[in-house]
């Protein structure tokens, strides 16, 4: 794996792409969702970015696509017996706090949220 930063913002672009992918996959019909891929994408994004940053990427993906996503969702994995680690629960609590803060800030600023935040 290369460690070269081609654009100067590779991490940002990768995190944003992961958030967009998760939102899009979550809006597929359940029988067509690649749950294992979606679960891995969420894990990668949660590992790469802080809960606050994930909340920003999630909100951006929701607003840009007009779709809603659930980044707190514990995915029904294709792998049987997977149990979320305690770290995921802590992450989800921090993410929920940041998402609420972003929603409130958007409302207070008078910005349109389209009901997505």
C-alpha atoms as a PDB file:
ATOM      1  CA  UNK A   1       0.000   0.000   0.000  1.00  0.00           C
ATOM      2  CA  UNK A   2       1.350   3.391  -0.987  1.00  0.00           C
ATOM      3  CA  UNK A   3       1.837   6.181   1.542  1.00  0.00           C
ATOM      4  CA  UNK A   4       2.107   8.863  -1.121  1.00  0.00           C
ATOM      5  CA  UNK A   5      -0.428  11.674  -0.753  1.00  0.00           C
ATOM      6  CA  UNK A   6      -1.234  12.351  -4.414  1.00  0.00           C
ATOM      7  CA  UNK A   7      -3.614  15.282  -3.961  1.00  0.00           C
ATOM      8  CA  UNK A   8      -2.573  16.715  -0.634  1.00  0.00           C
ATOM      9  CA  UNK A   9      -5.997  15.721   0.684  1.00  0.00           C
ATOM     10  CA  UNK A  10      -6.171  12.007   0.033  1.00  0.00           C
ATOM     11  CA  UNK A  11      -7.417  11.206   3.552  1.00  0.00           C
ATOM     12  CA  UNK A  12     -10.262  13.711   3.223  1.00  0.00           C
ATOM     13  CA  UNK A  13     -11.322  12.322  -0.160  1.00  0.00           C
ATOM     14  CA  UNK A  14     -11.182   8.701   1.038  1.00  0.00           C
ATOM     15  CA  UNK A  15     -13.222   9.469   4.174  1.00  0.00           C
ATOM     16  CA  UNK A  16     -15.764  11.408   2.144  1.00  0.00           C
ATOM     17  CA  UNK A  17     -16.059   8.561  -0.380  1.00  0.00           C
ATOM     18  CA  UNK A  18     -16.618   6.053   2.418  1.00  0.00           C
ATOM     19  CA  UNK A  19     -19.414   8.199   3.897  1.00  0.00           C
ATOM     20  CA  UNK A  20     -21.097   8.602   0.491  1.00  0.00           C
ATOM     21  CA  UNK A  21     -20.821   4.852  -0.139  1.00  0.00           C
ATOM     22  CA  UNK A  22     -22.380   3.976   3.220  1.00  0.00           C
ATOM     23  CA  UNK A  23     -25.306   6.366   2.679  1.00  0.00           C
ATOM     24  CA  UNK A  24     -25.915   4.993  -0.820  1.00  0.00           C
ATOM     25  CA  UNK A  25     -25.686   1.363   0.259  1.00  0.00           C
ATOM     26  CA  UNK A  26     -28.054   1.949   3.166  1.00  0.00           C
ATOM     27  CA  UNK A  27     -30.632   3.209   0.690  1.00  0.00           C
ATOM     28  CA  UNK A  28     -30.523   0.085  -1.453  1.00  0.00           C
ATOM     29  CA  UNK A  29     -33.291  -2.475  -1.001  1.00  0.00           C
ATOM     30  CA  UNK A  30     -32.326  -4.753   1.897  1.00  0.00           C
ATOM     31  CA  UNK A  31     -31.998  -7.798  -0.347  1.00  0.00           C
ATOM     32  CA  UNK A  32     -29.422  -5.972  -2.521  1.00  0.00           C
ATOM     33  CA  UNK A  33     -27.273  -4.470   0.258  1.00  0.00           C
ATOM     34  CA  UNK A  34     -23.728  -5.783   0.562  1.00  0.00           C
ATOM     35  CA  UNK A  35     -23.847  -5.718   4.380  1.00  0.00           C
ATOM     36  CA  UNK A  36     -20.356  -7.075   4.826  1.00  0.00           C
ATOM     37  CA  UNK A  37     -18.896  -4.312   2.641  1.00  0.00           C
ATOM     38  CA  UNK A  38     -20.989  -1.656   4.368  1.00  0.00           C
ATOM     39  CA  UNK A  39     -19.908  -2.894   7.791  1.00  0.00           C
ATOM     40  CA  UNK A  40     -16.265  -2.814   6.728  1.00  0.00           C
ATOM     41  CA  UNK A  41     -16.660   0.690   5.269  1.00  0.00           C
ATOM     42  CA  UNK A  42     -18.140   1.931   8.550  1.00  0.00           C
ATOM     43  CA  UNK A  43     -15.315   0.302  10.503  1.00  0.00           C
ATOM     44  CA  UNK A  44     -12.669   1.838   8.224  1.00  0.00           C
ATOM     45  CA  UNK A  45     -14.247   5.293   8.416  1.00  0.00           C
ATOM     46  CA  UNK A  46     -14.614   5.074  12.198  1.00  0.00           C
ATOM     47  CA  UNK A  47     -10.956   4.047  12.454  1.00  0.00           C
ATOM     48  CA  UNK A  48      -9.690   6.782  10.130  1.00  0.00           C
ATOM     49  CA  UNK A  49     -11.664   9.719  11.549  1.00  0.00           C
ATOM     50  CA  UNK A  50     -12.864  11.031  14.892  1.00  0.00           C
ATOM     51  CA  UNK A  51     -16.584  10.788  15.706  1.00  0.00           C
ATOM     52  CA  UNK A  52     -16.850  14.527  15.109  1.00  0.00           C
ATOM     53  CA  UNK A  53     -15.297  14.202  11.656  1.00  0.00           C
ATOM     54  CA  UNK A  54     -17.487  11.205  10.817  1.00  0.00           C
ATOM     55  CA  UNK A  55     -20.542  13.288  11.756  1.00  0.00           C
ATOM     56  CA  UNK A  56     -19.424  15.991   9.324  1.00  0.00           C
ATOM     57  CA  UNK A  57     -18.762  13.467   6.536  1.00  0.00           C
ATOM     58  CA  UNK A  58     -22.138  11.795   7.191  1.00  0.00           C
ATOM     59  CA  UNK A  59     -24.021  15.095   7.137  1.00  0.00           C
ATOM     60  CA  UNK A  60     -22.245  16.160   3.966  1.00  0.00           C
ATOM     61  CA  UNK A  61     -23.114  12.879   2.242  1.00  0.00           C
ATOM     62  CA  UNK A  62     -26.761  13.112   3.330  1.00  0.00           C
ATOM     63  CA  UNK A  63     -27.153  16.711   2.182  1.00  0.00           C
ATOM     64  CA  UNK A  64     -25.351  16.167  -1.129  1.00  0.00           C
ATOM     65  CA  UNK A  65     -27.211  12.992  -2.067  1.00  0.00           C
ATOM     66  CA  UNK A  66     -30.605  13.870  -0.602  1.00  0.00           C
ATOM     67  CA  UNK A  67     -30.550  10.446   1.053  1.00  0.00           C
ATOM     68  CA  UNK A  68     -30.565   9.646   4.729  1.00  0.00           C
ATOM     69  CA  UNK A  69     -28.034   7.403   6.388  1.00  0.00           C
ATOM     70  CA  UNK A  70     -27.683   5.831   9.789  1.00  0.00           C
ATOM     71  CA  UNK A  71     -24.070   5.897  10.881  1.00  0.00           C
ATOM     72  CA  UNK A  72     -25.106   4.596  14.308  1.00  0.00           C
ATOM     73  CA  UNK A  73     -26.663   1.520  12.749  1.00  0.00           C
ATOM     74  CA  UNK A  74     -25.076  -1.721  13.756  1.00  0.00           C
ATOM     75  CA  UNK A  75     -25.045  -3.529  10.442  1.00  0.00           C
ATOM     76  CA  UNK A  76     -26.467  -7.019  10.180  1.00  0.00           C
ATOM     77  CA  UNK A  77     -23.226  -8.554   8.989  1.00  0.00           C
ATOM     78  CA  UNK A  78     -22.966 -11.340   6.500  1.00  0.00           C
ATOM     79  CA  UNK A  79     -20.477 -12.753   9.014  1.00  0.00           C
ATOM     80  CA  UNK A  80     -22.334 -14.587  11.765  1.00  0.00           C
ATOM     81  CA  UNK A  81     -21.609 -13.940  15.418  1.00  0.00           C
ATOM     82  CA  UNK A  82     -20.064 -10.487  15.037  1.00  0.00           C
ATOM     83  CA  UNK A  83     -20.680  -8.450  18.178  1.00  0.00           C
ATOM     84  CA  UNK A  84     -19.894  -4.721  18.337  1.00  0.00           C
ATOM     85  CA  UNK A  85     -16.927  -3.924  20.552  1.00  0.00           C
ATOM     86  CA  UNK A  86     -17.295  -1.486  23.482  1.00  0.00           C
ATOM     87  CA  UNK A  87     -15.300   1.025  21.431  1.00  0.00           C
ATOM     88  CA  UNK A  88     -18.086   1.120  18.845  1.00  0.00           C
ATOM     89  CA  UNK A  89     -20.610   1.982  21.547  1.00  0.00           C
ATOM     90  CA  UNK A  90     -18.424   4.854  22.794  1.00  0.00           C
ATOM     91  CA  UNK A  91     -17.929   6.000  19.206  1.00  0.00           C
ATOM     92  CA  UNK A  92     -21.691   5.910  18.576  1.00  0.00           C
ATOM     93  CA  UNK A  93     -22.396   8.025  21.657  1.00  0.00           C
ATOM     94  CA  UNK A  94     -19.840  10.651  20.600  1.00  0.00           C
ATOM     95  CA  UNK A  95     -21.155  10.576  17.031  1.00  0.00           C
ATOM     96  CA  UNK A  96     -24.754  11.052  18.216  1.00  0.00           C
ATOM     97  CA  UNK A  97     -23.713  14.054  20.326  1.00  0.00           C
ATOM     98  CA  UNK A  98     -21.882  15.652  17.390  1.00  0.00           C
ATOM     99  CA  UNK A  99     -24.732  14.960  14.956  1.00  0.00           C
ATOM    100  CA  UNK A 100     -27.159  16.654  17.387  1.00  0.00           C
ATOM    101  CA  UNK A 101     -24.792  19.609  17.739  1.00  0.00           C
ATOM    102  CA  UNK A 102     -24.495  19.950  13.942  1.00  0.00           C
ATOM    103  CA  UNK A 103     -28.273  19.776  13.563  1.00  0.00           C
ATOM    104  CA  UNK A 104     -28.767  22.480  16.190  1.00  0.00           C
ATOM    105  CA  UNK A 105     -26.086  24.702  14.656  1.00  0.00           C
ATOM    106  CA  UNK A 106     -27.628  24.300  11.205  1.00  0.00           C
ATOM    107  CA  UNK A 107     -31.043  25.256  12.559  1.00  0.00           C
ATOM    108  CA  UNK A 108     -29.719  28.231  14.557  1.00  0.00           C
ATOM    109  CA  UNK A 109     -27.841  29.517  11.500  1.00  0.00           C
ATOM    110  CA  UNK A 110     -31.039  29.341   9.472  1.00  0.00           C
ATOM    111  CA  UNK A 111     -29.486  26.960   6.971  1.00  0.00           C
ATOM    112  CA  UNK A 112     -31.738  24.504   5.167  1.00  0.00           C
ATOM    113  CA  UNK A 113     -31.275  20.993   6.456  1.00  0.00           C
ATOM    114  CA  UNK A 114     -33.903  19.322   4.266  1.00  0.00           C
ATOM    115  CA  UNK A 115     -34.720  17.228   7.310  1.00  0.00           C
ATOM    116  CA  UNK A 116     -31.585  15.184   6.781  1.00  0.00           C
ATOM    117  CA  UNK A 117     -29.680  16.227   9.897  1.00  0.00           C
END
